[in-house]
Amino acid sequence: MTESEWLACDQPDLLLEVVEGKATRAQLVEFVRRCWQHVTPFLPPVQSELTVVEQFAAVADRQSDHDAVLYAAEAALKLARWAPDMRQEQRQQAALLRQIVGRPA
């Protein structure tokens, strides 16, 4: 993906594919955490003591690069579905990921 494609992409799953093996686990967890925070007002009350963020943080360091990126992509998609406008939420997630990860090498 070129830099202009990276900057124009509004699909977080495609961006996550690009950063596989480049983003740290801490960056991926932070991405999921901030996605979670953004949609929390739209979620029904959570009955579990563990959020998707805490679950990911607990296993992220034991996952392969591919599995960590896949988990982050699936979590972001599930969270985007709770937002009033899924496509707008995905655009915001893409921008958020670029902010957290920066430009891929």
N, C-alpha and C. Protein backbone atom coordinates (compact mmCIF):
# COMPACT_ATOMS: atom_id res chain seq x y z
N MET A 1 0.85 -1.17 0.00
CA MET A 1 0.00 0.00 0.00
C MET A 1 0.90 1.23 0.00
N THR A 2 0.62 2.14 -0.92
CA THR A 2 1.39 3.39 -0.98
C THR A 2 0.98 4.30 0.17
N GLU A 3 1.76 5.34 0.39
CA GLU A 3 1.43 6.28 1.45
C GLU A 3 0.09 6.97 1.18
N SER A 4 -0.17 7.34 -0.07
CA SER A 4 -1.44 8.00 -0.38
C SER A 4 -2.61 7.04 -0.19
N GLU A 5 -2.42 5.77 -0.51
CA GLU A 5 -3.48 4.77 -0.26
C GLU A 5 -3.69 4.59 1.24
N TRP A 6 -2.59 4.57 2.00
CA TRP A 6 -2.65 4.45 3.45
C TRP A 6 -3.47 5.60 4.05
N LEU A 7 -3.19 6.80 3.58
CA LEU A 7 -3.88 7.98 4.12
C LEU A 7 -5.34 8.06 3.68
N ALA A 8 -5.66 7.51 2.53
CA ALA A 8 -7.02 7.58 2.00
C ALA A 8 -7.91 6.42 2.45
N CYS A 9 -7.31 5.35 2.89
CA CYS A 9 -8.08 4.14 3.24
C CYS A 9 -8.98 4.40 4.44
N ASP A 10 -10.24 4.00 4.32
CA ASP A 10 -11.18 4.17 5.44
C ASP A 10 -11.67 2.84 5.98
N GLN A 11 -10.90 1.78 5.74
CA GLN A 11 -11.26 0.45 6.21
C GLN A 11 -10.18 -0.05 7.18
N PRO A 12 -10.49 -0.06 8.46
CA PRO A 12 -9.47 -0.42 9.44
C PRO A 12 -8.91 -1.82 9.25
N ASP A 13 -9.71 -2.76 8.76
CA ASP A 13 -9.21 -4.11 8.57
C ASP A 13 -8.09 -4.15 7.52
N LEU A 14 -8.22 -3.36 6.45
CA LEU A 14 -7.17 -3.31 5.44
C LEU A 14 -5.91 -2.65 5.99
N LEU A 15 -6.09 -1.61 6.78
CA LEU A 15 -4.93 -0.96 7.39
C LEU A 15 -4.23 -1.89 8.38
N LEU A 16 -5.01 -2.66 9.11
CA LEU A 16 -4.41 -3.60 10.06
C LEU A 16 -3.58 -4.65 9.34
N GLU A 17 -4.01 -5.08 8.16
CA GLU A 17 -3.22 -6.03 7.38
C GLU A 17 -1.85 -5.44 7.05
N VAL A 18 -1.83 -4.15 6.75
CA VAL A 18 -0.58 -3.48 6.39
C VAL A 18 0.38 -3.42 7.57
N VAL A 19 -0.15 -3.24 8.77
CA VAL A 19 0.72 -3.08 9.95
C VAL A 19 1.03 -4.40 10.64
N GLU A 20 0.55 -5.51 10.07
CA GLU A 20 0.87 -6.81 10.67
C GLU A 20 2.39 -6.98 10.73
N GLY A 21 2.89 -7.29 11.92
CA GLY A 21 4.32 -7.45 12.12
C GLY A 21 5.06 -6.15 12.35
N LYS A 22 4.37 -5.02 12.19
CA LYS A 22 5.00 -3.71 12.38
C LYS A 22 4.45 -3.00 13.62
N ALA A 23 3.16 -3.17 13.87
CA ALA A 23 2.55 -2.54 15.05
C ALA A 23 2.88 -3.37 16.29
N THR A 24 3.12 -2.69 17.38
CA THR A 24 3.38 -3.41 18.63
C THR A 24 2.06 -3.91 19.21
N ARG A 25 2.16 -4.84 20.11
CA ARG A 25 0.95 -5.34 20.78
C ARG A 25 0.31 -4.20 21.57
N ALA A 26 1.13 -3.36 22.18
CA ALA A 26 0.59 -2.22 22.94
C ALA A 26 -0.21 -1.29 22.02
N GLN A 27 0.27 -1.07 20.81
CA GLN A 27 -0.47 -0.22 19.86
C GLN A 27 -1.79 -0.86 19.47
N LEU A 28 -1.78 -2.16 19.24
CA LEU A 28 -3.03 -2.85 18.88
C LEU A 28 -4.03 -2.83 20.02
N VAL A 29 -3.55 -3.05 21.23
CA VAL A 29 -4.43 -2.99 22.41
C VAL A 29 -4.98 -1.58 22.57
N GLU A 30 -4.15 -0.58 22.39
CA GLU A 30 -4.60 0.81 22.50
C GLU A 30 -5.66 1.11 21.43
N PHE A 31 -5.48 0.60 20.23
CA PHE A 31 -6.47 0.78 19.17
C PHE A 31 -7.82 0.18 19.59
N VAL A 32 -7.81 -1.04 20.07
CA VAL A 32 -9.06 -1.68 20.50
C VAL A 32 -9.66 -0.92 21.68
N ARG A 33 -8.82 -0.49 22.61
CA ARG A 33 -9.30 0.26 23.79
C ARG A 33 -10.01 1.54 23.36
N ARG A 34 -9.42 2.27 22.44
CA ARG A 34 -10.02 3.54 22.02
C ARG A 34 -11.27 3.32 21.16
N CYS A 35 -11.29 2.24 20.39
CA CYS A 35 -12.52 1.89 19.66
C CYS A 35 -13.64 1.57 20.66
N TRP A 36 -13.29 0.83 21.70
CA TRP A 36 -14.24 0.46 22.75
C TRP A 36 -14.80 1.71 23.41
N GLN A 37 -13.92 2.62 23.78
CA GLN A 37 -14.36 3.84 24.45
C GLN A 37 -15.32 4.65 23.58
N HIS A 38 -15.06 4.64 22.30
CA HIS A 38 -15.89 5.45 21.40
C HIS A 38 -17.32 4.91 21.28
N VAL A 39 -17.49 3.60 21.33
CA VAL A 39 -18.84 3.04 21.15
C VAL A 39 -19.52 2.67 22.46
N THR A 40 -18.82 2.80 23.57
CA THR A 40 -19.41 2.45 24.87
C THR A 40 -20.78 3.09 25.11
N PRO A 41 -21.00 4.36 24.72
CA PRO A 41 -22.32 4.94 24.95
C PRO A 41 -23.45 4.22 24.20
N PHE A 42 -23.13 3.48 23.17
CA PHE A 42 -24.14 2.80 22.36
C PHE A 42 -24.34 1.35 22.77
N LEU A 43 -23.50 0.85 23.66
CA LEU A 43 -23.56 -0.56 24.06
C LEU A 43 -24.58 -0.78 25.17
N PRO A 44 -25.19 -1.98 25.17
CA PRO A 44 -26.04 -2.31 26.32
C PRO A 44 -25.14 -2.49 27.55
N PRO A 45 -25.69 -2.43 28.73
CA PRO A 45 -24.88 -2.62 29.93
C PRO A 45 -24.11 -3.94 29.88
N VAL A 46 -22.84 -3.88 30.25
CA VAL A 46 -21.98 -5.06 30.21
C VAL A 46 -22.08 -5.79 31.54
N GLN A 47 -22.36 -7.09 31.47
CA GLN A 47 -22.50 -7.89 32.68
C GLN A 47 -21.19 -8.55 33.10
N SER A 48 -20.23 -8.57 32.22
CA SER A 48 -18.95 -9.22 32.47
C SER A 48 -17.98 -8.25 33.13
N GLU A 49 -17.09 -8.80 33.92
CA GLU A 49 -16.05 -7.97 34.52
C GLU A 49 -14.95 -7.68 33.51
N LEU A 50 -14.85 -8.49 32.46
CA LEU A 50 -13.81 -8.32 31.45
C LEU A 50 -14.41 -7.75 30.17
N THR A 51 -13.82 -6.67 29.70
CA THR A 51 -14.24 -6.11 28.42
C THR A 51 -13.43 -6.77 27.32
N VAL A 52 -13.80 -6.52 26.08
CA VAL A 52 -13.04 -7.03 24.94
C VAL A 52 -11.61 -6.51 24.99
N VAL A 53 -11.42 -5.31 25.51
CA VAL A 53 -10.09 -4.73 25.62
C VAL A 53 -9.25 -5.51 26.62
N GLU A 54 -9.81 -5.78 27.78
CA GLU A 54 -9.08 -6.52 28.81
C GLU A 54 -8.77 -7.94 28.35
N GLN A 55 -9.71 -8.56 27.64
CA GLN A 55 -9.48 -9.91 27.12
C GLN A 55 -8.32 -9.90 26.12
N PHE A 56 -8.32 -8.91 25.22
CA PHE A 56 -7.26 -8.81 24.23
C PHE A 56 -5.92 -8.53 24.89
N ALA A 57 -5.90 -7.59 25.83
CA ALA A 57 -4.67 -7.25 26.52
C ALA A 57 -4.07 -8.47 27.23
N ALA A 58 -4.93 -9.34 27.73
CA ALA A 58 -4.47 -10.52 28.45
C ALA A 58 -3.79 -11.55 27.54
N VAL A 59 -4.18 -11.60 26.28
CA VAL A 59 -3.63 -12.62 25.38
C VAL A 59 -2.73 -12.07 24.27
N ALA A 60 -2.72 -10.78 24.07
CA ALA A 60 -2.02 -10.18 22.92
C ALA A 60 -0.55 -10.59 22.84
N ASP A 61 0.14 -10.60 23.95
CA ASP A 61 1.58 -10.91 23.93
C ASP A 61 1.85 -12.38 23.60
N ARG A 62 0.85 -13.23 23.73
CA ARG A 62 1.03 -14.66 23.44
C ARG A 62 0.58 -15.02 22.02
N GLN A 63 0.05 -14.04 21.30
CA GLN A 63 -0.44 -14.30 19.96
C GLN A 63 0.63 -14.03 18.91
N SER A 64 0.49 -14.71 17.77
CA SER A 64 1.35 -14.40 16.64
C SER A 64 0.98 -13.02 16.11
N ASP A 65 1.83 -12.45 15.29
CA ASP A 65 1.51 -11.15 14.68
C ASP A 65 0.18 -11.22 13.94
N HIS A 66 0.00 -12.29 13.19
CA HIS A 66 -1.23 -12.43 12.41
C HIS A 66 -2.46 -12.52 13.32
N ASP A 67 -2.38 -13.35 14.35
CA ASP A 67 -3.53 -13.50 15.24
C ASP A 67 -3.85 -12.22 16.00
N ALA A 68 -2.83 -11.48 16.40
CA ALA A 68 -3.07 -10.22 17.11
C ALA A 68 -3.77 -9.21 16.22
N VAL A 69 -3.34 -9.11 14.97
CA VAL A 69 -3.98 -8.20 14.02
C VAL A 69 -5.40 -8.67 13.71
N LEU A 70 -5.57 -9.96 13.55
CA LEU A 70 -6.91 -10.51 13.28
C LEU A 70 -7.86 -10.22 14.44
N TYR A 71 -7.39 -10.40 15.67
CA TYR A 71 -8.21 -10.11 16.85
C TYR A 71 -8.61 -8.64 16.86
N ALA A 72 -7.65 -7.76 16.62
CA ALA A 72 -7.94 -6.32 16.62
C ALA A 72 -8.95 -5.97 15.53
N ALA A 73 -8.81 -6.57 14.36
CA ALA A 73 -9.73 -6.30 13.25
C ALA A 73 -11.14 -6.79 13.58
N GLU A 74 -11.24 -7.98 14.15
CA GLU A 74 -12.56 -8.52 14.50
C GLU A 74 -13.20 -7.69 15.61
N ALA A 75 -12.43 -7.29 16.59
CA ALA A 75 -12.96 -6.47 17.68
C ALA A 75 -13.46 -5.14 17.14
N ALA A 76 -12.68 -4.51 16.27
CA ALA A 76 -13.07 -3.22 15.70
C ALA A 76 -14.36 -3.36 14.89
N LEU A 77 -14.48 -4.42 14.11
CA LEU A 77 -15.68 -4.63 13.31
C LEU A 77 -16.90 -4.83 14.21
N LYS A 78 -16.76 -5.66 15.23
CA LYS A 78 -17.88 -5.89 16.16
C LYS A 78 -18.28 -4.59 16.84
N LEU A 79 -17.30 -3.79 17.23
CA LEU A 79 -17.61 -2.54 17.89
C LEU A 79 -18.26 -1.55 16.93
N ALA A 80 -17.80 -1.52 15.70
CA ALA A 80 -18.38 -0.61 14.70
C ALA A 80 -19.85 -0.91 14.46
N ARG A 81 -20.23 -2.15 14.58
CA ARG A 81 -21.63 -2.54 14.39
C ARG A 81 -22.55 -1.94 15.44
N TRP A 82 -22.00 -1.57 16.60
CA TRP A 82 -22.81 -0.97 17.66
C TRP A 82 -23.01 0.52 17.46
N ALA A 83 -22.21 1.13 16.64
CA ALA A 83 -22.31 2.58 16.41
C ALA A 83 -23.55 2.89 15.57
N PRO A 84 -24.10 4.07 15.71
CA PRO A 84 -25.27 4.45 14.92
C PRO A 84 -25.02 4.39 13.41
N ASP A 85 -23.80 4.70 12.98
CA ASP A 85 -23.43 4.67 11.56
C ASP A 85 -22.15 3.86 11.43
N MET A 86 -22.30 2.62 11.02
CA MET A 86 -21.16 1.70 10.97
C MET A 86 -20.05 2.21 10.05
N ARG A 87 -20.38 2.68 8.87
CA ARG A 87 -19.36 3.15 7.93
C ARG A 87 -18.60 4.36 8.50
N GLN A 88 -19.33 5.27 9.12
CA GLN A 88 -18.68 6.42 9.74
C GLN A 88 -17.76 5.97 10.87
N GLU A 89 -18.20 5.01 11.64
CA GLU A 89 -17.38 4.49 12.73
C GLU A 89 -16.10 3.85 12.17
N GLN A 90 -16.22 3.12 11.07
CA GLN A 90 -15.04 2.50 10.47
C GLN A 90 -14.07 3.56 9.95
N ARG A 91 -14.59 4.63 9.40
CA ARG A 91 -13.72 5.73 8.96
C ARG A 91 -12.97 6.30 10.17
N GLN A 92 -13.67 6.46 11.27
CA GLN A 92 -13.04 6.99 12.48
C GLN A 92 -12.00 6.00 13.02
N GLN A 93 -12.31 4.71 12.94
CA GLN A 93 -11.36 3.70 13.39
C GLN A 93 -10.09 3.73 12.54
N ALA A 94 -10.25 3.90 11.23
CA ALA A 94 -9.09 3.97 10.34
C ALA A 94 -8.21 5.17 10.70
N ALA A 95 -8.84 6.30 10.93
CA ALA A 95 -8.09 7.49 11.32
C ALA A 95 -7.40 7.27 12.67
N LEU A 96 -8.09 6.62 13.58
CA LEU A 96 -7.53 6.33 14.89
C LEU A 96 -6.32 5.41 14.77
N LEU A 97 -6.42 4.40 13.94
CA LEU A 97 -5.29 3.48 13.76
C LEU A 97 -4.08 4.22 13.17
N ARG A 98 -4.32 5.08 12.20
CA ARG A 98 -3.21 5.87 11.63
C ARG A 98 -2.57 6.74 12.70
N GLN A 99 -3.39 7.30 13.58
CA GLN A 99 -2.88 8.15 14.66
C GLN A 99 -2.03 7.34 15.63
N ILE A 100 -2.45 6.15 15.96
CA ILE A 100 -1.73 5.33 16.95
C ILE A 100 -0.47 4.72 16.36
N VAL A 101 -0.56 4.22 15.15
CA VAL A 101 0.56 3.48 14.55
C VAL A 101 1.50 4.37 13.76
N GLY A 102 0.97 5.45 13.21
CA GLY A 102 1.79 6.29 12.34
C GLY A 102 1.85 5.70 10.95
N ARG A 103 2.87 6.02 10.22
CA ARG A 103 3.02 5.50 8.85
C ARG A 103 3.78 4.18 8.90
N PRO A 104 3.29 3.19 8.16
CA PRO A 104 4.02 1.91 8.15
C PRO A 104 5.34 2.06 7.38
N ALA A 105 6.31 1.30 7.80
CA ALA A 105 7.64 1.35 7.13
C ALA A 105 7.59 0.65 5.79
